[in-house]
Amino acid sequence: MNRLVGVSLFTLFSFLLWLYLASNHSTPDNWWTVKYIREINIHASDIKMIPDHFSISPVKILIGTGLFFILGTLLTILFRNYKVEKKP
């Protein structure tokens, strides 16, 4: 039971760390981000991306949630079948 709790907590904190970094410390150019640009202002042939015009994509969050759910499930199955042999 301790392994199951450990894997669950690891998966949960990994997901929360990804969500925080993908929504606050990334740019829309990164592949792992959940941001997308709602509006681009073009002024004097310069493209200006204002942070107020960024938004978070619910589809990317659902995809990330599904990936972490699958990862947690696979880790649970892997560690459930792993047995530690005790030496006498």
PDB file of N, CA and C in Angstrom:
ATOM      1  N   MET A   1       0.814  -1.196   0.000  1.00  0.00           N
ATOM      2  CA  MET A   1       0.000   0.000   0.000  1.00  0.00           C
ATOM      3  C   MET A   1       0.861   1.265   0.000  1.00  0.00           C
ATOM      4  N   ASN A   2       2.044   1.200   0.622  1.00  0.00           N
ATOM      5  CA  ASN A   2       2.912   2.375   0.655  1.00  0.00           C
ATOM      6  C   ASN A   2       3.424   2.735  -0.728  1.00  0.00           C
ATOM      7  N   ARG A   3       3.675   1.723  -1.567  1.00  0.00           N
ATOM      8  CA  ARG A   3       4.129   1.996  -2.930  1.00  0.00           C
ATOM      9  C   ARG A   3       3.035   2.686  -3.731  1.00  0.00           C
ATOM     10  N   LEU A   4       1.799   2.263  -3.547  1.00  0.00           N
ATOM     11  CA  LEU A   4       0.678   2.867  -4.275  1.00  0.00           C
ATOM     12  C   LEU A   4       0.514   4.337  -3.898  1.00  0.00           C
ATOM     13  N   VAL A   5       0.627   4.635  -2.618  1.00  0.00           N
ATOM     14  CA  VAL A   5       0.531   6.024  -2.160  1.00  0.00           C
ATOM     15  C   VAL A   5       1.703   6.839  -2.702  1.00  0.00           C
ATOM     16  N   GLY A   6       2.895   6.264  -2.690  1.00  0.00           N
ATOM     17  CA  GLY A   6       4.069   6.964  -3.198  1.00  0.00           C
ATOM     18  C   GLY A   6       3.965   7.274  -4.686  1.00  0.00           C
ATOM     19  N   VAL A   7       3.506   6.295  -5.461  1.00  0.00           N
ATOM     20  CA  VAL A   7       3.350   6.515  -6.906  1.00  0.00           C
ATOM     21  C   VAL A   7       2.261   7.546  -7.167  1.00  0.00           C
ATOM     22  N   SER A   8       1.185   7.487  -6.411  1.00  0.00           N
ATOM     23  CA  SER A   8       0.099   8.457  -6.590  1.00  0.00           C
ATOM     24  C   SER A   8       0.560   9.868  -6.264  1.00  0.00           C
ATOM     25  N   LEU A   9       1.280  10.034  -5.169  1.00  0.00           N
ATOM     26  CA  LEU A   9       1.779  11.358  -4.798  1.00  0.00           C
ATOM     27  C   LEU A   9       2.807  11.872  -5.806  1.00  0.00           C
ATOM     28  N   PHE A  10       3.684  10.985  -6.286  1.00  0.00           N
ATOM     29  CA  PHE A  10       4.669  11.380  -7.290  1.00  0.00           C
ATOM     30  C   PHE A  10       3.974  11.855  -8.565  1.00  0.00           C
ATOM     31  N   THR A  11       2.973  11.120  -9.003  1.00  0.00           N
ATOM     32  CA  THR A  11       2.248  11.500 -10.215  1.00  0.00           C
ATOM     33  C   THR A  11       1.485  12.802 -10.017  1.00  0.00           C
ATOM     34  N   LEU A  12       0.846  12.968  -8.875  1.00  0.00           N
ATOM     35  CA  LEU A  12       0.100  14.188  -8.601  1.00  0.00           C
ATOM     36  C   LEU A  12       1.008  15.408  -8.567  1.00  0.00           C
ATOM     37  N   PHE A  13       2.131  15.319  -7.845  1.00  0.00           N
ATOM     38  CA  PHE A  13       3.027  16.468  -7.754  1.00  0.00           C
ATOM     39  C   PHE A  13       3.726  16.740  -9.082  1.00  0.00           C
ATOM     40  N   SER A  14       4.011  15.707  -9.862  1.00  0.00           N
ATOM     41  CA  SER A  14       4.579  15.912 -11.200  1.00  0.00           C
ATOM     42  C   SER A  14       3.587  16.639 -12.092  1.00  0.00           C
ATOM     43  N   PHE A  15       2.320  16.249 -12.024  1.00  0.00           N
ATOM     44  CA  PHE A  15       1.285  16.914 -12.810  1.00  0.00           C
ATOM     45  C   PHE A  15       1.141  18.371 -12.394  1.00  0.00           C
ATOM     46  N   LEU A  16       1.097  18.641 -11.099  1.00  0.00           N
ATOM     47  CA  LEU A  16       0.950  20.021 -10.630  1.00  0.00           C
ATOM     48  C   LEU A  16       2.150  20.872 -11.010  1.00  0.00           C
ATOM     49  N   LEU A  17       3.359  20.292 -10.955  1.00  0.00           N
ATOM     50  CA  LEU A  17       4.557  21.023 -11.362  1.00  0.00           C
ATOM     51  C   LEU A  17       4.516  21.329 -12.852  1.00  0.00           C
ATOM     52  N   TRP A  18       4.119  20.350 -13.675  1.00  0.00           N
ATOM     53  CA  TRP A  18       3.988  20.585 -15.117  1.00  0.00           C
ATOM     54  C   TRP A  18       2.955  21.675 -15.393  1.00  0.00           C
ATOM     55  N   LEU A  19       1.814  21.612 -14.724  1.00  0.00           N
ATOM     56  CA  LEU A  19       0.759  22.596 -14.962  1.00  0.00           C
ATOM     57  C   LEU A  19       1.219  23.998 -14.582  1.00  0.00           C
ATOM     58  N   TYR A  20       1.923  24.124 -13.468  1.00  0.00           N
ATOM     59  CA  TYR A  20       2.432  25.437 -13.049  1.00  0.00           C
ATOM     60  C   TYR A  20       3.456  25.975 -14.038  1.00  0.00           C
ATOM     61  N   LEU A  21       4.428  25.144 -14.418  1.00  0.00           N
ATOM     62  CA  LEU A  21       5.463  25.597 -15.336  1.00  0.00           C
ATOM     63  C   LEU A  21       4.915  25.851 -16.740  1.00  0.00           C
ATOM     64  N   ALA A  22       3.972  25.029 -17.177  1.00  0.00           N
ATOM     65  CA  ALA A  22       3.433  25.179 -18.531  1.00  0.00           C
ATOM     66  C   ALA A  22       2.512  26.386 -18.652  1.00  0.00           C
ATOM     67  N   SER A  23       1.933  26.815 -17.551  1.00  0.00           N
ATOM     68  CA  SER A  23       1.028  27.954 -17.643  1.00  0.00           C
ATOM     69  C   SER A  23       1.673  29.273 -17.233  1.00  0.00           C
ATOM     70  N   ASN A  24       2.715  29.237 -16.420  1.00  0.00           N
ATOM     71  CA  ASN A  24       3.296  30.491 -15.929  1.00  0.00           C
ATOM     72  C   ASN A  24       4.700  30.788 -16.441  1.00  0.00           C
ATOM     73  N   HIS A  25       5.503  29.776 -16.694  1.00  0.00           N
ATOM     74  CA  HIS A  25       6.912  29.997 -17.038  1.00  0.00           C
ATOM     75  C   HIS A  25       7.255  29.462 -18.412  1.00  0.00           C
ATOM     76  N   SER A  26       6.358  29.593 -19.350  1.00  0.00           N
ATOM     77  CA  SER A  26       6.645  29.126 -20.699  1.00  0.00           C
ATOM     78  C   SER A  26       6.128  30.150 -21.701  1.00  0.00           C
ATOM     79  N   THR A  27       6.563  29.991 -22.921  1.00  0.00           N
ATOM     80  CA  THR A  27       6.091  30.840 -24.006  1.00  0.00           C
ATOM     81  C   THR A  27       5.279  29.974 -24.963  1.00  0.00           C
ATOM     82  N   PRO A  28       4.464  30.589 -25.788  1.00  0.00           N
ATOM     83  CA  PRO A  28       3.677  29.789 -26.740  1.00  0.00           C
ATOM     84  C   PRO A  28       4.522  29.011 -27.740  1.00  0.00           C
ATOM     85  N   ASP A  29       5.818  29.313 -27.844  1.00  0.00           N
ATOM     86  CA  ASP A  29       6.687  28.580 -28.765  1.00  0.00           C
ATOM     87  C   ASP A  29       7.096  27.212 -28.232  1.00  0.00           C
ATOM     88  N   ASN A  30       7.037  27.006 -26.924  1.00  0.00           N
ATOM     89  CA  ASN A  30       7.436  25.731 -26.337  1.00  0.00           C
ATOM     90  C   ASN A  30       6.396  24.656 -26.631  1.00  0.00           C
ATOM     91  N   TRP A  31       6.837  23.425 -26.837  1.00  0.00           N
ATOM     92  CA  TRP A  31       5.909  22.350 -27.189  1.00  0.00           C
ATOM     93  C   TRP A  31       5.108  21.867 -25.981  1.00  0.00           C
ATOM     94  N   TRP A  32       5.599  22.073 -24.767  1.00  0.00           N
ATOM     95  CA  TRP A  32       4.944  21.537 -23.578  1.00  0.00           C
ATOM     96  C   TRP A  32       4.040  22.559 -22.894  1.00  0.00           C
ATOM     97  N   THR A  33       3.898  23.725 -23.472  1.00  0.00           N
ATOM     98  CA  THR A  33       3.108  24.778 -22.845  1.00  0.00           C
ATOM     99  C   THR A  33       1.608  24.561 -23.048  1.00  0.00           C
ATOM    100  N   VAL A  34       0.809  25.219 -22.227  1.00  0.00           N
ATOM    101  CA  VAL A  34      -0.647  25.181 -22.391  1.00  0.00           C
ATOM    102  C   VAL A  34      -1.173  26.539 -22.841  1.00  0.00           C
ATOM    103  N   LYS A  35      -0.260  27.447 -23.170  1.00  0.00           N
ATOM    104  CA  LYS A  35      -0.656  28.785 -23.602  1.00  0.00           C
ATOM    105  C   LYS A  35      -0.898  28.830 -25.098  1.00  0.00           C
ATOM    106  N   TYR A  36      -1.775  29.705 -25.505  1.00  0.00           N
ATOM    107  CA  TYR A  36      -1.908  30.052 -26.909  1.00  0.00           C
ATOM    108  C   TYR A  36      -2.190  31.541 -26.996  1.00  0.00           C
ATOM    109  N   ILE A  37      -1.932  32.113 -28.155  1.00  0.00           N
ATOM    110  CA  ILE A  37      -2.063  33.557 -28.342  1.00  0.00           C
ATOM    111  C   ILE A  37      -3.458  33.855 -28.872  1.00  0.00           C
ATOM    112  N   ARG A  38      -4.183  34.688 -28.143  1.00  0.00           N
ATOM    113  CA  ARG A  38      -5.514  35.100 -28.595  1.00  0.00           C
ATOM    114  C   ARG A  38      -5.454  36.217 -29.618  1.00  0.00           C
ATOM    115  N   GLU A  39      -4.451  37.100 -29.471  1.00  0.00           N
ATOM    116  CA  GLU A  39      -4.389  38.276 -30.333  1.00  0.00           C
ATOM    117  C   GLU A  39      -2.940  38.704 -30.508  1.00  0.00           C
ATOM    118  N   ILE A  40      -2.596  39.052 -31.726  1.00  0.00           N
ATOM    119  CA  ILE A  40      -1.267  39.583 -32.040  1.00  0.00           C
ATOM    120  C   ILE A  40      -1.452  40.997 -32.585  1.00  0.00           C
ATOM    121  N   ASN A  41      -0.745  41.932 -32.005  1.00  0.00           N
ATOM    122  CA  ASN A  41      -0.806  43.309 -32.473  1.00  0.00           C
ATOM    123  C   ASN A  41       0.357  43.577 -33.421  1.00  0.00           C
ATOM    124  N   ILE A  42       0.052  44.117 -34.586  1.00  0.00           N
ATOM    125  CA  ILE A  42       1.087  44.488 -35.537  1.00  0.00           C
ATOM    126  C   ILE A  42       1.113  46.011 -35.596  1.00  0.00           C
ATOM    127  N   HIS A  43       2.248  46.563 -35.189  1.00  0.00           N
ATOM    128  CA  HIS A  43       2.403  48.014 -35.148  1.00  0.00           C
ATOM    129  C   HIS A  43       3.723  48.360 -35.819  1.00  0.00           C
ATOM    130  N   ALA A  44       3.638  49.122 -36.883  1.00  0.00           N
ATOM    131  CA  ALA A  44       4.820  49.565 -37.634  1.00  0.00           C
ATOM    132  C   ALA A  44       5.655  48.368 -38.083  1.00  0.00           C
ATOM    133  N   SER A  45       4.987  47.358 -38.612  1.00  0.00           N
ATOM    134  CA  SER A  45       5.572  46.115 -39.132  1.00  0.00           C
ATOM    135  C   SER A  45       6.341  45.311 -38.077  1.00  0.00           C
ATOM    136  N   ASP A  46       6.129  45.607 -36.798  1.00  0.00           N
ATOM    137  CA  ASP A  46       6.691  44.804 -35.709  1.00  0.00           C
ATOM    138  C   ASP A  46       5.554  44.032 -35.050  1.00  0.00           C
ATOM    139  N   ILE A  47       5.774  42.757 -34.827  1.00  0.00           N
ATOM    140  CA  ILE A  47       4.762  41.943 -34.146  1.00  0.00           C
ATOM    141  C   ILE A  47       5.008  42.045 -32.650  1.00  0.00           C
ATOM    142  N   LYS A  48       3.993  42.467 -31.926  1.00  0.00           N
ATOM    143  CA  LYS A  48       4.102  42.590 -30.475  1.00  0.00           C
ATOM    144  C   LYS A  48       3.113  41.630 -29.837  1.00  0.00           C
ATOM    145  N   MET A  49       3.637  40.711 -29.055  1.00  0.00           N
ATOM    146  CA  MET A  49       2.785  39.761 -28.348  1.00  0.00           C
ATOM    147  C   MET A  49       2.682  40.229 -26.901  1.00  0.00           C
ATOM    148  N   ILE A  50       1.551  40.752 -26.553  1.00  0.00           N
ATOM    149  CA  ILE A  50       1.321  41.286 -25.217  1.00  0.00           C
ATOM    150  C   ILE A  50       0.858  40.143 -24.306  1.00  0.00           C
ATOM    151  N   PRO A  51       1.442  40.006 -23.118  1.00  0.00           N
ATOM    152  CA  PRO A  51       1.058  38.897 -22.242  1.00  0.00           C
ATOM    153  C   PRO A  51      -0.424  38.871 -21.871  1.00  0.00           C
ATOM    154  N   ASP A  52      -1.102  40.018 -21.908  1.00  0.00           N
ATOM    155  CA  ASP A  52      -2.528  40.023 -21.601  1.00  0.00           C
ATOM    156  C   ASP A  52      -3.337  39.284 -22.656  1.00  0.00           C
ATOM    157  N   HIS A  53      -2.750  39.082 -23.812  1.00  0.00           N
ATOM    158  CA  HIS A  53      -3.461  38.417 -24.896  1.00  0.00           C
ATOM    159  C   HIS A  53      -3.184  36.919 -24.955  1.00  0.00           C
ATOM    160  N   PHE A  54      -2.460  36.379 -23.965  1.00  0.00           N
ATOM    161  CA  PHE A  54      -2.252  34.941 -23.871  1.00  0.00           C
ATOM    162  C   PHE A  54      -3.438  34.320 -23.158  1.00  0.00           C
ATOM    163  N   SER A  55      -3.741  33.109 -23.501  1.00  0.00           N
ATOM    164  CA  SER A  55      -4.806  32.376 -22.839  1.00  0.00           C
ATOM    165  C   SER A  55      -4.356  30.935 -22.651  1.00  0.00           C
ATOM    166  N   ILE A  56      -5.051  30.212 -21.793  1.00  0.00           N
ATOM    167  CA  ILE A  56      -4.710  28.817 -21.512  1.00  0.00           C
ATOM    168  C   ILE A  56      -5.698  27.925 -22.254  1.00  0.00           C
ATOM    169  N   SER A  57      -5.184  26.934 -22.920  1.00  0.00           N
ATOM    170  CA  SER A  57      -5.987  26.039 -23.731  1.00  0.00           C
ATOM    171  C   SER A  57      -6.522  24.879 -22.887  1.00  0.00           C
ATOM    172  N   PRO A  58      -7.838  24.759 -22.743  1.00  0.00           N
ATOM    173  CA  PRO A  58      -8.390  23.637 -21.973  1.00  0.00           C
ATOM    174  C   PRO A  58      -8.124  22.285 -22.641  1.00  0.00           C
ATOM    175  N   VAL A  59      -7.989  22.270 -23.959  1.00  0.00           N
ATOM    176  CA  VAL A  59      -7.711  21.014 -24.664  1.00  0.00           C
ATOM    177  C   VAL A  59      -6.329  20.490 -24.299  1.00  0.00           C
ATOM    178  N   LYS A  60      -5.338  21.392 -24.248  1.00  0.00           N
ATOM    179  CA  LYS A  60      -3.989  20.970 -23.874  1.00  0.00           C
ATOM    180  C   LYS A  60      -3.940  20.504 -22.427  1.00  0.00           C
ATOM    181  N   ILE A  61      -4.714  21.129 -21.566  1.00  0.00           N
ATOM    182  CA  ILE A  61      -4.756  20.693 -20.164  1.00  0.00           C
ATOM    183  C   ILE A  61      -5.381  19.307 -20.062  1.00  0.00           C
ATOM    184  N   LEU A  62      -6.437  19.047 -20.818  1.00  0.00           N
ATOM    185  CA  LEU A  62      -7.054  17.713 -20.814  1.00  0.00           C
ATOM    186  C   LEU A  62      -6.098  16.660 -21.369  1.00  0.00           C
ATOM    187  N   ILE A  63      -5.364  16.990 -22.412  1.00  0.00           N
ATOM    188  CA  ILE A  63      -4.390  16.043 -22.962  1.00  0.00           C
ATOM    189  C   ILE A  63      -3.296  15.753 -21.936  1.00  0.00           C
ATOM    190  N   GLY A  64      -2.783  16.800 -21.285  1.00  0.00           N
ATOM    191  CA  GLY A  64      -1.769  16.605 -20.249  1.00  0.00           C
ATOM    192  C   GLY A  64      -2.280  15.807 -19.074  1.00  0.00           C
ATOM    193  N   THR A  65      -3.525  16.051 -18.670  1.00  0.00           N
ATOM    194  CA  THR A  65      -4.124  15.289 -17.575  1.00  0.00           C
ATOM    195  C   THR A  65      -4.237  13.813 -17.947  1.00  0.00           C
ATOM    196  N   GLY A  66      -4.655  13.548 -19.178  1.00  0.00           N
ATOM    197  CA  GLY A  66      -4.753  12.161 -19.641  1.00  0.00           C
ATOM    198  C   GLY A  66      -3.396  11.481 -19.675  1.00  0.00           C
ATOM    199  N   LEU A  67      -2.364  12.196 -20.140  1.00  0.00           N
ATOM    200  CA  LEU A  67      -1.023  11.610 -20.176  1.00  0.00           C
ATOM    201  C   LEU A  67      -0.504  11.299 -18.785  1.00  0.00           C
ATOM    202  N   PHE A  68      -0.720  12.190 -17.829  1.00  0.00           N
ATOM    203  CA  PHE A  68      -0.267  11.919 -16.466  1.00  0.00           C
ATOM    204  C   PHE A  68      -1.094  10.817 -15.814  1.00  0.00           C
ATOM    205  N   PHE A  69      -2.363  10.704 -16.153  1.00  0.00           N
ATOM    206  CA  PHE A  69      -3.189   9.611 -15.644  1.00  0.00           C
ATOM    207  C   PHE A  69      -2.678   8.266 -16.164  1.00  0.00           C
ATOM    208  N   ILE A  70      -2.346   8.219 -17.455  1.00  0.00           N
ATOM    209  CA  ILE A  70      -1.800   6.987 -18.032  1.00  0.00           C
ATOM    210  C   ILE A  70      -0.436   6.661 -17.424  1.00  0.00           C
ATOM    211  N   LEU A  71       0.408   7.685 -17.240  1.00  0.00           N
ATOM    212  CA  LEU A  71       1.705   7.480 -16.612  1.00  0.00           C
ATOM    213  C   LEU A  71       1.556   6.931 -15.198  1.00  0.00           C
ATOM    214  N   GLY A  72       0.652   7.503 -14.422  1.00  0.00           N
ATOM    215  CA  GLY A  72       0.422   7.015 -13.061  1.00  0.00           C
ATOM    216  C   GLY A  72      -0.095   5.595 -13.039  1.00  0.00           C
ATOM    217  N   THR A  73      -0.981   5.263 -13.972  1.00  0.00           N
ATOM    218  CA  THR A  73      -1.510   3.908 -14.046  1.00  0.00           C
ATOM    219  C   THR A  73      -0.406   2.907 -14.391  1.00  0.00           C
ATOM    220  N   LEU A  74       0.436   3.256 -15.374  1.00  0.00           N
ATOM    221  CA  LEU A  74       1.531   2.365 -15.746  1.00  0.00           C
ATOM    222  C   LEU A  74       2.536   2.190 -14.612  1.00  0.00           C
ATOM    223  N   LEU A  75       2.855   3.283 -13.920  1.00  0.00           N
ATOM    224  CA  LEU A  75       3.773   3.169 -12.779  1.00  0.00           C
ATOM    225  C   LEU A  75       3.171   2.329 -11.661  1.00  0.00           C
ATOM    226  N   THR A  76       1.870   2.459 -11.434  1.00  0.00           N
ATOM    227  CA  THR A  76       1.207   1.653 -10.408  1.00  0.00           C
ATOM    228  C   THR A  76       1.275   0.176 -10.763  1.00  0.00           C
ATOM    229  N   ILE A  77       0.999  -0.165 -12.015  1.00  0.00           N
ATOM    230  CA  ILE A  77       1.073  -1.559 -12.442  1.00  0.00           C
ATOM    231  C   ILE A  77       2.498  -2.083 -12.339  1.00  0.00           C
ATOM    232  N   LEU A  78       3.466  -1.259 -12.729  1.00  0.00           N
ATOM    233  CA  LEU A  78       4.870  -1.665 -12.680  1.00  0.00           C
ATOM    234  C   LEU A  78       5.318  -1.925 -11.248  1.00  0.00           C
ATOM    235  N   PHE A  79       5.007  -1.016 -10.334  1.00  0.00           N
ATOM    236  CA  PHE A  79       5.460  -1.173  -8.961  1.00  0.00           C
ATOM    237  C   PHE A  79       4.629  -2.175  -8.170  1.00  0.00           C
ATOM    238  N   ARG A  80       3.423  -2.460  -8.606  1.00  0.00           N
ATOM    239  CA  ARG A  80       2.614  -3.465  -7.928  1.00  0.00           C
ATOM    240  C   ARG A  80       3.191  -4.858  -8.163  1.00  0.00           C
ATOM    241  N   ASN A  81       3.741  -5.089  -9.364  1.00  0.00           N
ATOM    242  CA  ASN A  81       4.309  -6.391  -9.700  1.00  0.00           C
ATOM    243  C   ASN A  81       5.756  -6.536  -9.254  1.00  0.00           C
ATOM    244  N   TYR A  82       6.376  -5.452  -8.837  1.00  0.00           N
ATOM    245  CA  TYR A  82       7.770  -5.473  -8.395  1.00  0.00           C
ATOM    246  C   TYR A  82       7.833  -5.968  -6.971  1.00  0.00           C
ATOM    247  N   LYS A  83       8.604  -7.027  -6.749  1.00  0.00           N
ATOM    248  CA  LYS A  83       8.727  -7.595  -5.412  1.00  0.00           C
ATOM    249  C   LYS A  83      10.178  -7.473  -4.942  1.00  0.00           C
ATOM    250  N   VAL A  84      10.328  -7.075  -3.713  1.00  0.00           N
ATOM    251  CA  VAL A  84      11.662  -6.954  -3.130  1.00  0.00           C
ATOM    252  C   VAL A  84      11.945  -8.190  -2.313  1.00  0.00           C
ATOM    253  N   GLU A  85      13.061  -8.848  -2.632  1.00  0.00           N
ATOM    254  CA  GLU A  85      13.433 -10.036  -1.874  1.00  0.00           C
ATOM    255  C   GLU A  85      14.266  -9.623  -0.665  1.00  0.00           C
ATOM    256  N   LYS A  86      13.886 -10.129   0.473  1.00  0.00           N
ATOM    257  CA  LYS A  86      14.592  -9.810   1.711  1.00  0.00           C
ATOM    258  C   LYS A  86      15.672 -10.859   1.947  1.00  0.00           C
ATOM    259  N   LYS A  87      16.856 -10.410   2.292  1.00  0.00           N
ATOM    260  CA  LYS A  87      17.950 -11.317   2.569  1.00  0.00           C
ATOM    261  C   LYS A  87      17.912 -11.714   4.041  1.00  0.00           C
ATOM    262  N   PRO A  88      18.186 -12.967   4.321  1.00  0.00           N
ATOM    263  CA  PRO A  88      18.146 -13.408   5.742  1.00  0.00           C
ATOM    264  C   PRO A  88      19.285 -12.914   6.552  1.00  0.00           C
TER     265      PRO A  88
END
